[in-house]
Protein backbone atom coordinates (compact mmCIF):
# COMPACT_ATOMS: atom_id res chain seq x y z
CA UNK A 1 12.57 5.57 -2.24
CA UNK A 2 9.49 6.19 -4.32
CA UNK A 3 5.98 4.93 -3.74
CA UNK A 4 3.22 4.50 -6.28
CA UNK A 5 -0.16 5.74 -5.04
CA UNK A 6 -3.78 6.11 -6.02
CA UNK A 7 -6.09 8.19 -3.82
CA UNK A 8 -9.89 7.94 -3.96
CA UNK A 9 -12.60 9.73 -1.98
CA UNK A 10 -15.51 7.44 -1.14
CA UNK A 11 -18.37 8.31 1.23
CA UNK A 12 -16.28 10.87 3.13
CA UNK A 13 -13.37 8.43 3.45
CA UNK A 14 -9.98 8.76 1.82
CA UNK A 15 -8.90 5.45 0.33
CA UNK A 16 -5.19 5.06 -0.34
CA UNK A 17 -3.72 2.31 -2.49
CA UNK A 18 0.06 2.44 -2.08
CA UNK A 19 2.95 0.18 -3.04
CA UNK A 20 6.70 0.19 -3.45
CA UNK A 21 7.21 1.75 -6.89
CA UNK A 22 9.30 -1.14 -8.21
CA UNK A 23 6.37 -3.55 -7.64
CA UNK A 24 4.03 -1.64 -9.95
CA UNK A 25 2.87 -3.83 -12.83
CA UNK A 26 4.05 -7.08 -11.23
CA UNK A 27 1.99 -10.20 -10.80
CA UNK A 28 2.77 -12.09 -7.58
CA UNK A 29 1.78 -15.76 -7.46
CA UNK A 30 1.97 -18.33 -4.68
CA UNK A 31 0.07 -21.61 -4.96
CA UNK A 32 -3.49 -20.59 -5.84
CA UNK A 33 -3.08 -16.97 -4.72
CA UNK A 34 -2.51 -14.34 -7.38
CA UNK A 35 -2.00 -10.63 -6.65
CA UNK A 36 -1.79 -8.24 -9.58
CA UNK A 37 -0.17 -4.96 -8.55
CA UNK A 38 -1.77 -3.08 -11.41
CA UNK A 39 -1.19 0.46 -12.61
CA UNK A 40 -4.96 1.04 -12.63
CA UNK A 41 -5.19 0.25 -8.89
CA UNK A 42 -1.87 1.55 -7.52
CA UNK A 43 -0.42 3.71 -10.27
CA UNK A 44 -2.00 7.16 -10.28
CA UNK A 45 1.30 8.88 -9.45
CA UNK A 46 4.75 8.40 -7.93
CA UNK A 47 5.54 10.15 -4.65
CA UNK A 48 8.52 10.48 -2.35
CA UNK A 49 8.59 9.35 1.29
CA UNK A 50 7.42 12.72 2.67
CA UNK A 51 4.21 12.77 0.60
CA UNK A 52 3.64 9.04 1.23
CA UNK A 53 3.85 9.75 4.97
CA UNK A 54 1.25 12.52 4.71
CA UNK A 55 -1.11 10.31 2.68
CA UNK A 56 -0.75 7.39 5.10
CA UNK A 57 -1.57 9.64 8.05
CA UNK A 58 -4.69 11.22 6.53
CA UNK A 59 -6.25 8.18 4.81
CA UNK A 60 -9.09 6.15 6.34
CA UNK A 61 -8.68 2.95 4.36
CA UNK A 62 -5.25 1.87 3.17
CA UNK A 63 -4.30 -1.01 0.87
CA UNK A 64 -0.52 -1.37 0.89
CA UNK A 65 2.01 -3.68 -0.73
CA UNK A 66 5.79 -3.92 -0.42
CA UNK A 67 8.52 -4.00 2.21
CA UNK A 68 9.24 -0.25 2.18
CA UNK A 69 5.55 0.70 2.28
CA UNK A 70 4.77 -1.68 5.15
CA UNK A 71 7.90 -0.59 7.04
CA UNK A 72 6.88 3.08 6.75
CA UNK A 73 3.33 2.40 7.95
CA UNK A 74 4.57 0.39 10.95
CA UNK A 75 7.11 3.12 11.76
CA UNK A 76 4.24 5.66 11.76
CA UNK A 77 2.10 3.45 14.03
CA UNK A 78 -0.51 3.01 11.30
CA UNK A 79 0.08 -0.64 10.53
CA UNK A 80 1.07 -3.55 12.73
CA UNK A 81 3.47 -6.37 11.93
CA UNK A 82 0.81 -8.75 13.31
CA UNK A 83 -1.54 -7.95 10.41
CA UNK A 84 1.02 -8.33 7.62
CA UNK A 85 0.56 -11.26 5.23
CA UNK A 86 2.74 -12.15 2.27
CA UNK A 87 2.52 -13.80 -1.12
CA UNK A 88 5.83 -15.15 -2.45
CA UNK A 89 7.68 -13.00 0.07
CA UNK A 90 5.90 -9.76 -0.91
CA UNK A 91 4.14 -8.30 2.16
CA UNK A 92 0.71 -6.70 2.03
CA UNK A 93 -1.53 -5.07 4.63
CA UNK A 94 -4.99 -3.53 4.68
CA UNK A 95 -5.80 -0.95 7.38
CA UNK A 96 -9.18 0.51 8.31
CA UNK A 97 -8.97 3.48 10.67
CA UNK A 98 -11.99 3.98 12.91
């Protein structure tokens, strides 16, 4: 499984945008909600599960989209199923670590 990621440093925080690689470039629409999983936001590089795990653990702010990405974050204790929302069946989660 590959993940598409973009990492940004902002005010001493590591911001990680991560999604399931197959979602990159898709536009998800449900009613009036529209989520564009753009290459400019999520598509800096493709990584394997091991590197995705490392990035999830060390990042302060995480924007994540996709079943595999969310599953990995929950498995690592970073995300919680309670915070997961979905648009047209595609789950997304935002995590701020304190």
